[in-house]
C-alpha atoms as a PDB file:
ATOM      1  CA  MET A   1     163.895 -20.679 232.509  1.00  0.00           C
ATOM      2  CA  GLN A   2     160.575 -20.898 232.345  1.00  0.00           C
ATOM      3  CA  PRO A   3     158.288 -19.469 235.957  1.00  0.00           C
ATOM      4  CA  SER A   4     156.037 -21.816 237.723  1.00  0.00           C
ATOM      5  CA  LEU A   5     152.643 -21.883 236.991  1.00  0.00           C
ATOM      6  CA  VAL A   6     152.127 -21.926 240.187  1.00  0.00           C
ATOM      7  CA  ASN A   7     154.001 -19.274 241.804  1.00  0.00           C
ATOM      8  CA  GLY A   8     155.263 -17.361 239.106  1.00  0.00           C
ATOM      9  CA  ASP A   9     158.934 -18.038 240.296  1.00  0.00           C
ATOM     10  CA  SER A  10     161.978 -19.132 238.430  1.00  0.00           C
ATOM     11  CA  THR A  11     164.190 -20.317 240.906  1.00  0.00           C
ATOM     12  CA  PRO A  12     165.667 -23.703 240.594  1.00  0.00           C
ATOM     13  CA  ARG A  13     163.666 -24.881 243.546  1.00  0.00           C
ATOM     14  CA  ALA A  14     160.815 -23.785 241.939  1.00  0.00           C
ATOM     15  CA  ARG A  15     161.772 -25.415 238.920  1.00  0.00           C
ATOM     16  CA  VAL A  16     162.502 -28.600 240.975  1.00  0.00           C
ATOM     17  CA  GLN A  17     159.300 -28.131 242.636  1.00  0.00           C
ATOM     18  CA  ASP A  18     157.472 -27.689 239.137  1.00  0.00           C
ATOM     19  CA  GLU A  19     158.922 -30.739 237.959  1.00  0.00           C
ATOM     20  CA  ILE A  20     158.035 -33.230 240.953  1.00  0.00           C
ATOM     21  CA  ARG A  21     154.794 -31.611 241.174  1.00  0.00           C
ATOM     22  CA  ARG A  22     153.966 -32.051 237.532  1.00  0.00           C
ATOM     23  CA  ASP A  23     155.226 -36.178 237.938  1.00  0.00           C
ATOM     24  CA  ILE A  24     152.712 -36.628 240.757  1.00  0.00           C
ATOM     25  CA  ILE A  25     149.512 -35.185 238.942  1.00  0.00           C
ATOM     26  CA  PHE A  26     150.565 -37.348 236.010  1.00  0.00           C
ATOM     27  CA  GLY A  27     151.472 -40.575 238.141  1.00  0.00           C
ATOM     28  CA  THR A  28     154.818 -40.634 236.698  1.00  0.00           C
ATOM     29  CA  LEU A  29     155.193 -40.673 241.226  1.00  0.00           C
ATOM     30  CA  PRO A  30     152.387 -42.386 241.849  1.00  0.00           C
ATOM     31  CA  ALA A  31     150.636 -42.044 245.397  1.00  0.00           C
ATOM     32  CA  GLY A  32     152.384 -44.049 248.243  1.00  0.00           C
ATOM     33  CA  THR A  33     155.874 -43.710 246.066  1.00  0.00           C
ATOM     34  CA  ARG A  34     158.525 -42.903 249.002  1.00  0.00           C
ATOM     35  CA  ILE A  35     160.727 -40.510 247.528  1.00  0.00           C
ATOM     36  CA  THR A  36     164.264 -39.297 248.979  1.00  0.00           C
ATOM     37  CA  GLU A  37     166.645 -35.711 248.311  1.00  0.00           C
ATOM     38  CA  ALA A  38     169.195 -37.925 246.624  1.00  0.00           C
ATOM     39  CA  SER A  39     166.970 -39.966 243.962  1.00  0.00           C
ATOM     40  CA  LEU A  40     164.899 -36.897 243.405  1.00  0.00           C
ATOM     41  CA  ALA A  41     168.341 -34.646 242.362  1.00  0.00           C
ATOM     42  CA  ALA A  42     169.476 -37.662 240.426  1.00  0.00           C
ATOM     43  CA  LYS A  43     166.311 -37.679 238.164  1.00  0.00           C
ATOM     44  CA  TYR A  44     166.148 -33.766 237.690  1.00  0.00           C
ATOM     45  CA  GLY A  45     169.774 -33.746 237.424  1.00  0.00           C
ATOM     46  CA  ILE A  46     170.595 -31.020 240.581  1.00  0.00           C
ATOM     47  CA  SER A  47     171.683 -30.386 243.915  1.00  0.00           C
ATOM     48  CA  ARG A  48     170.057 -31.864 246.848  1.00  0.00           C
ATOM     49  CA  VAL A  49     169.122 -28.159 248.429  1.00  0.00           C
ATOM     50  CA  PRO A  50     166.500 -27.183 246.081  1.00  0.00           C
ATOM     51  CA  VAL A  51     165.312 -30.584 246.269  1.00  0.00           C
ATOM     52  CA  ARG A  52     165.060 -30.371 249.925  1.00  0.00           C
ATOM     53  CA  GLU A  53     163.026 -26.959 250.001  1.00  0.00           C
ATOM     54  CA  ALA A  54     161.181 -28.320 247.067  1.00  0.00           C
ATOM     55  CA  LEU A  55     159.809 -31.173 249.360  1.00  0.00           C
ATOM     56  CA  ARG A  56     159.005 -28.676 252.203  1.00  0.00           C
ATOM     57  CA  ALA A  57     156.852 -26.708 249.816  1.00  0.00           C
ATOM     58  CA  LEU A  58     155.066 -29.681 248.003  1.00  0.00           C
ATOM     59  CA  GLU A  59     154.336 -31.205 251.359  1.00  0.00           C
ATOM     60  CA  VAL A  60     152.458 -27.487 252.799  1.00  0.00           C
ATOM     61  CA  GLU A  61     150.680 -27.674 249.132  1.00  0.00           C
ATOM     62  CA  GLY A  62     149.474 -31.873 250.355  1.00  0.00           C
ATOM     63  CA  PHE A  63     151.440 -33.297 247.655  1.00  0.00           C
ATOM     64  CA  VAL A  64     154.109 -34.968 250.006  1.00  0.00           C
ATOM     65  CA  GLU A  65     153.999 -36.590 253.504  1.00  0.00           C
ATOM     66  CA  SER A  66     156.963 -36.448 255.777  1.00  0.00           C
ATOM     67  CA  LYS A  67     157.529 -38.247 258.577  1.00  0.00           C
ATOM     68  CA  PRO A  68     159.924 -38.607 261.345  1.00  0.00           C
ATOM     69  CA  PHE A  69     162.378 -41.588 260.347  1.00  0.00           C
ATOM     70  CA  ALA A  70     160.317 -42.670 257.222  1.00  0.00           C
ATOM     71  CA  GLY A  71     161.320 -40.257 254.857  1.00  0.00           C
ATOM     72  CA  SER A  72     158.866 -38.719 252.386  1.00  0.00           C
ATOM     73  CA  THR A  73     155.818 -40.365 250.326  1.00  0.00           C
ATOM     74  CA  VAL A  74     153.149 -39.084 247.510  1.00  0.00           C
ATOM     75  CA  SER A  75     150.429 -38.051 248.932  1.00  0.00           C
ATOM     76  CA  GLU A  76     146.901 -39.844 247.878  1.00  0.00           C
ATOM     77  CA  ILE A  77     144.859 -37.417 245.225  1.00  0.00           C
ATOM     78  CA  PRO A  78     142.393 -35.360 247.730  1.00  0.00           C
ATOM     79  CA  VAL A  79     139.368 -36.968 246.843  1.00  0.00           C
ATOM     80  CA  ASP A  80     137.874 -36.415 250.129  1.00  0.00           C
ATOM     81  CA  ASP A  81     138.530 -32.363 249.581  1.00  0.00           C
ATOM     82  CA  ALA A  82     137.422 -32.200 245.868  1.00  0.00           C
ATOM     83  CA  ASP A  83     133.817 -30.381 246.577  1.00  0.00           C
ATOM     84  CA  ASP A  84     134.944 -27.836 248.929  1.00  0.00           C
ATOM     85  CA  LEU A  85     138.377 -27.145 246.212  1.00  0.00           C
ATOM     86  CA  PHE A  86     135.726 -27.229 243.286  1.00  0.00           C
ATOM     87  CA  ALA A  87     133.279 -24.985 245.400  1.00  0.00           C
ATOM     88  CA  VAL A  88     136.486 -22.513 246.299  1.00  0.00           C
ATOM     89  CA  ARG A  89     137.419 -22.498 242.624  1.00  0.00           C
ATOM     90  CA  GLU A  90     133.858 -21.907 241.518  1.00  0.00           C
ATOM     91  CA  ALA A  91     133.450 -18.859 243.737  1.00  0.00           C
ATOM     92  CA  LEU A  92     137.001 -17.711 242.712  1.00  0.00           C
ATOM     93  CA  GLU A  93     136.782 -18.188 239.067  1.00  0.00           C
ATOM     94  CA  ALA A  94     133.712 -16.382 238.405  1.00  0.00           C
ATOM     95  CA  ALA A  95     134.897 -13.131 240.345  1.00  0.00           C
ATOM     96  CA  THR A  96     138.044 -13.655 237.984  1.00  0.00           C
ATOM     97  CA  ALA A  97     136.132 -13.746 234.673  1.00  0.00           C
ATOM     98  CA  ARG A  98     133.695 -11.044 236.083  1.00  0.00           C
ATOM     99  CA  ARG A  99     136.442  -8.623 236.555  1.00  0.00           C
ATOM    100  CA  ALA A 100     137.981  -9.449 233.394  1.00  0.00           C
ATOM    101  CA  ALA A 101     135.187  -8.572 231.582  1.00  0.00           C
ATOM    102  CA  ARG A 102     134.804  -5.445 233.513  1.00  0.00           C
ATOM    103  CA  ARG A 103     138.324  -4.501 232.830  1.00  0.00           C
ATOM    104  CA  ALA A 104     137.698  -5.553 229.218  1.00  0.00           C
ATOM    105  CA  ALA A 105     134.779  -3.128 228.530  1.00  0.00           C
ATOM    106  CA  ALA A 106     136.402  -0.043 230.342  1.00  0.00           C
ATOM    107  CA  HIS A 107     139.517  -0.489 228.247  1.00  0.00           C
ATOM    108  CA  PHE A 108     137.744  -0.603 224.677  1.00  0.00           C
ATOM    109  CA  SER A 109     135.316   2.532 225.930  1.00  0.00           C
ATOM    110  CA  SER A 110     138.528   4.539 226.167  1.00  0.00           C
ATOM    111  CA  GLY A 111     140.721   4.030 223.180  1.00  0.00           C
ATOM    112  CA  GLY A 112     141.533   0.220 224.172  1.00  0.00           C
ATOM    113  CA  PRO A 113     143.791  -2.223 225.816  1.00  0.00           C
ATOM    114  CA  ASP A 114     146.617  -1.682 227.271  1.00  0.00           C
ATOM    115  CA  SER A 115     150.395  -3.609 225.987  1.00  0.00           C
ATOM    116  CA  HIS A 116     149.752  -5.960 229.433  1.00  0.00           C
ATOM    117  CA  TRP A 117     146.017  -6.908 228.192  1.00  0.00           C
ATOM    118  CA  TRP A 118     146.906  -7.304 224.605  1.00  0.00           C
ATOM    119  CA  GLU A 119     150.095  -9.813 225.726  1.00  0.00           C
ATOM    120  CA  THR A 120     148.156 -11.654 228.087  1.00  0.00           C
ATOM    121  CA  ARG A 121     145.232 -11.887 225.577  1.00  0.00           C
ATOM    122  CA  ARG A 122     147.455 -12.903 222.614  1.00  0.00           C
ATOM    123  CA  GLU A 123     148.881 -15.836 225.242  1.00  0.00           C
ATOM    124  CA  LEU A 124     145.450 -17.012 225.312  1.00  0.00           C
ATOM    125  CA  ALA A 125     144.620 -17.276 222.221  1.00  0.00           C
ATOM    126  CA  ALA A 126     147.659 -19.651 222.122  1.00  0.00           C
ATOM    127  CA  ILE A 127     146.714 -21.694 225.000  1.00  0.00           C
ATOM    128  CA  LEU A 128     142.813 -22.211 222.938  1.00  0.00           C
ATOM    129  CA  ASP A 129     144.518 -23.229 219.973  1.00  0.00           C
ATOM    130  CA  GLU A 130     147.100 -25.224 221.606  1.00  0.00           C
ATOM    131  CA  GLY A 131     143.939 -27.072 223.532  1.00  0.00           C
ATOM    132  CA  ASP A 132     141.837 -27.286 219.862  1.00  0.00           C
ATOM    133  CA  GLU A 133     144.950 -29.191 218.645  1.00  0.00           C
ATOM    134  CA  ALA A 134     145.540 -31.602 221.615  1.00  0.00           C
ATOM    135  CA  VAL A 135     141.829 -32.377 221.623  1.00  0.00           C
ATOM    136  CA  GLY A 136     141.513 -33.180 217.882  1.00  0.00           C
ATOM    137  CA  SER A 137     144.937 -35.307 218.090  1.00  0.00           C
ATOM    138  CA  GLY A 138     143.325 -37.363 221.112  1.00  0.00           C
ATOM    139  CA  GLN A 139     146.399 -35.929 223.163  1.00  0.00           C
ATOM    140  CA  VAL A 140     144.349 -35.792 226.240  1.00  0.00           C
ATOM    141  CA  GLU A 141     147.284 -35.196 228.370  1.00  0.00           C
ATOM    142  CA  LEU A 142     148.194 -32.300 227.610  1.00  0.00           C
ATOM    143  CA  LEU A 143     145.088 -30.318 228.651  1.00  0.00           C
ATOM    144  CA  PRO A 144     145.642 -30.401 232.657  1.00  0.00           C
ATOM    145  CA  GLU A 145     148.722 -28.094 232.114  1.00  0.00           C
ATOM    146  CA  LEU A 146     146.930 -26.029 229.351  1.00  0.00           C
ATOM    147  CA  ASN A 147     144.123 -25.861 231.594  1.00  0.00           C
ATOM    148  CA  ILE A 148     145.200 -24.534 234.294  1.00  0.00           C
ATOM    149  CA  ARG A 149     147.214 -22.026 231.894  1.00  0.00           C
ATOM    150  CA  PHE A 150     144.111 -20.859 230.700  1.00  0.00           C
ATOM    151  CA  HIS A 151     142.534 -19.802 233.920  1.00  0.00           C
ATOM    152  CA  LEU A 152     145.696 -18.401 235.454  1.00  0.00           C
ATOM    153  CA  GLY A 153     145.576 -16.632 232.184  1.00  0.00           C
ATOM    154  CA  ILE A 154     141.998 -14.819 232.855  1.00  0.00           C
ATOM    155  CA  ALA A 155     142.720 -14.094 236.458  1.00  0.00           C
ATOM    156  CA  GLU A 156     145.537 -12.016 234.633  1.00  0.00           C
ATOM    157  CA  LEU A 157     143.338 -10.041 232.800  1.00  0.00           C
ATOM    158  CA  SER A 158     141.439  -9.448 235.755  1.00  0.00           C
ATOM    159  CA  ARG A 159     144.350  -7.792 237.206  1.00  0.00           C
ATOM    160  CA  SER A 160     143.504  -8.738 241.005  1.00  0.00           C
ATOM    161  CA  SER A 161     146.227  -9.432 242.895  1.00  0.00           C
ATOM    162  CA  SER A 162     144.499 -10.608 245.543  1.00  0.00           C
ATOM    163  CA  LEU A 163     142.312 -13.555 243.237  1.00  0.00           C
ATOM    164  CA  THR A 164     145.288 -14.472 241.300  1.00  0.00           C
ATOM    165  CA  ALA A 165     147.115 -14.968 243.990  1.00  0.00           C
ATOM    166  CA  LEU A 166     144.457 -17.057 245.288  1.00  0.00           C
ATOM    167  CA  LEU A 167     143.981 -19.113 242.542  1.00  0.00           C
ATOM    168  CA  ARG A 168     147.687 -19.738 242.524  1.00  0.00           C
ATOM    169  CA  GLN A 169     147.254 -21.419 245.734  1.00  0.00           C
ATOM    170  CA  ILE A 170     144.961 -23.660 244.617  1.00  0.00           C
ATOM    171  CA  ALA A 171     146.289 -24.212 241.065  1.00  0.00           C
ATOM    172  CA  GLY A 172     148.028 -27.372 242.076  1.00  0.00           C
ATOM    173  CA  LYS A 173     145.240 -29.425 243.240  1.00  0.00           C
ATOM    174  CA  ILE A 174     142.922 -28.014 240.474  1.00  0.00           C
ATOM    175  CA  GLU A 175     145.484 -29.495 237.850  1.00  0.00           C
ATOM    176  CA  TRP A 176     145.239 -32.896 240.053  1.00  0.00           C
ATOM    177  CA  LEU A 177     141.747 -33.445 239.808  1.00  0.00           C
ATOM    178  CA  TYR A 178     141.739 -32.076 236.363  1.00  0.00           C
ATOM    179  CA  ALA A 179     144.233 -34.727 235.312  1.00  0.00           C
ATOM    180  CA  ALA A 180     142.565 -37.661 236.731  1.00  0.00           C
ATOM    181  CA  ASP A 181     139.231 -36.480 235.258  1.00  0.00           C
ATOM    182  CA  VAL A 182     140.580 -35.598 231.996  1.00  0.00           C
ATOM    183  CA  GLY A 183     139.332 -38.529 230.035  1.00  0.00           C
ATOM    184  CA  SER A 184     136.032 -38.111 230.980  1.00  0.00           C
ATOM    185  CA  ARG A 185     135.340 -34.537 231.102  1.00  0.00           C
ATOM    186  CA  GLY A 186     138.459 -32.895 229.924  1.00  0.00           C
ATOM    187  CA  ILE A 187     137.621 -33.057 226.067  1.00  0.00           C
ATOM    188  CA  ARG A 188     134.177 -31.477 226.673  1.00  0.00           C
ATOM    189  CA  SER A 189     134.864 -29.074 228.882  1.00  0.00           C
ATOM    190  CA  TRP A 190     137.871 -27.556 226.677  1.00  0.00           C
ATOM    191  CA  ALA A 191     135.136 -26.315 224.119  1.00  0.00           C
ATOM    192  CA  GLU A 192     133.748 -24.488 226.953  1.00  0.00           C
ATOM    193  CA  HIS A 193     136.950 -22.185 227.268  1.00  0.00           C
ATOM    194  CA  ARG A 194     135.591 -20.379 223.967  1.00  0.00           C
ATOM    195  CA  GLY A 195     132.286 -18.840 225.482  1.00  0.00           C
ATOM    196  CA  ILE A 196     133.767 -17.740 228.631  1.00  0.00           C
ATOM    197  CA  MET A 197     136.718 -15.932 226.342  1.00  0.00           C
ATOM    198  CA  ALA A 198     134.127 -14.435 223.950  1.00  0.00           C
ATOM    199  CA  ALA A 199     131.694 -13.124 227.106  1.00  0.00           C
ATOM    200  CA  ILE A 200     135.181 -11.558 228.524  1.00  0.00           C
ATOM    201  CA  ASP A 201     135.870 -10.008 224.694  1.00  0.00           C
ATOM    202  CA  ALA A 202     132.744  -8.806 224.759  1.00  0.00           C
ATOM    203  CA  GLY A 203     133.199  -7.066 228.066  1.00  0.00           C
ATOM    204  CA  ASN A 204     129.549  -8.986 229.456  1.00  0.00           C
ATOM    205  CA  ALA A 205     130.588  -9.315 233.097  1.00  0.00           C
ATOM    206  CA  GLN A 206     127.201 -11.084 233.691  1.00  0.00           C
ATOM    207  CA  ALA A 207     127.522 -13.822 231.070  1.00  0.00           C
ATOM    208  CA  ALA A 208     131.295 -13.885 231.720  1.00  0.00           C
ATOM    209  CA  GLU A 209     130.203 -14.946 235.071  1.00  0.00           C
ATOM    210  CA  GLN A 210     128.089 -17.408 234.316  1.00  0.00           C
ATOM    211  CA  GLU A 211     129.744 -19.401 231.680  1.00  0.00           C
ATOM    212  CA  MET A 212     132.647 -19.802 234.121  1.00  0.00           C
ATOM    213  CA  GLY A 213     130.329 -20.616 236.811  1.00  0.00           C
ATOM    214  CA  ALA A 214     128.724 -22.926 234.810  1.00  0.00           C
ATOM    215  CA  HIS A 215     132.220 -24.708 233.109  1.00  0.00           C
ATOM    216  CA  VAL A 216     133.381 -25.048 236.684  1.00  0.00           C
ATOM    217  CA  HIS A 217     130.129 -26.485 238.480  1.00  0.00           C
ATOM    218  CA  GLY A 218     130.232 -29.063 235.507  1.00  0.00           C
ATOM    219  CA  SER A 219     133.502 -30.573 236.104  1.00  0.00           C
ATOM    220  CA  ARG A 220     132.776 -30.414 239.816  1.00  0.00           C
ATOM    221  CA  LEU A 221     129.738 -32.359 239.628  1.00  0.00           C
ATOM    222  CA  GLY A 222     131.483 -34.349 236.839  1.00  0.00           C
ATOM    223  CA  TYR A 223     133.969 -35.411 238.514  1.00  0.00           C
ATOM    224  CA  LEU A 224     132.106 -35.662 241.928  1.00  0.00           C
ATOM    225  CA  SER A 225     129.737 -38.550 240.186  1.00  0.00           C
ATOM    226  CA  ARG A 226     132.716 -40.361 238.479  1.00  0.00           C
ATOM    227  CA  PHE A 227     134.544 -40.755 241.720  1.00  0.00           C
ATOM    228  CA  THR A 228     131.671 -41.430 243.952  1.00  0.00           C
ATOM    229  CA  GLU A 229     130.837 -43.917 241.596  1.00  0.00           C
ATOM    230  CA  LYS A 230     133.918 -45.353 241.343  1.00  0.00           C
ATOM    231  CA  ASP A 231     134.034 -45.392 245.508  1.00  0.00           C
ATOM    232  CA  GLY A 232     130.671 -46.714 245.787  1.00  0.00           C
END
């Protein structure tokens, strides 16, 4: 069983929480859909107890709304909160990239990185390759999950437990917003990950911070422009 992308957990509750969240993000469970413990337990082949726990957690995350006597429904995508979420993400991820680059510089100036750094770096290389293949084959639906895995990997390289925890708290919402706009900016923005990674590998903290900040800011502007036009 793979650990949750959002919280690193591998319990049955975390697994079904990830699966429900993913189905919401990709529209298998559209906004407004009424959901019950029984139907979800049957859908995911699991007992009702972890489903109940998962729904409570997803309500806290903002993916599910529950009302007395009305049951649970899938929330609307958080368009109104998008600007604030991107602003938080921009500052947070610029900091993780800066710290990751500083850590790389320190490692390479003192005999080379430790095994944890190399393991995370290999995982990031594989993610970048998978994303390039997805772009090349037109499988843009694969990019949102690869995107969040890349950004969480950079946070891991920073070895800042505080920054990583903060990023995990908003990771699901980031993936939801990214999935909604992946057909527009997703392909263009994917190539920017290589520049971020190169700056980190070079130990250039300033460049890494600038590359990551520009990357997230571009996504922010693109998303807001697209959905403002749609609503206007």
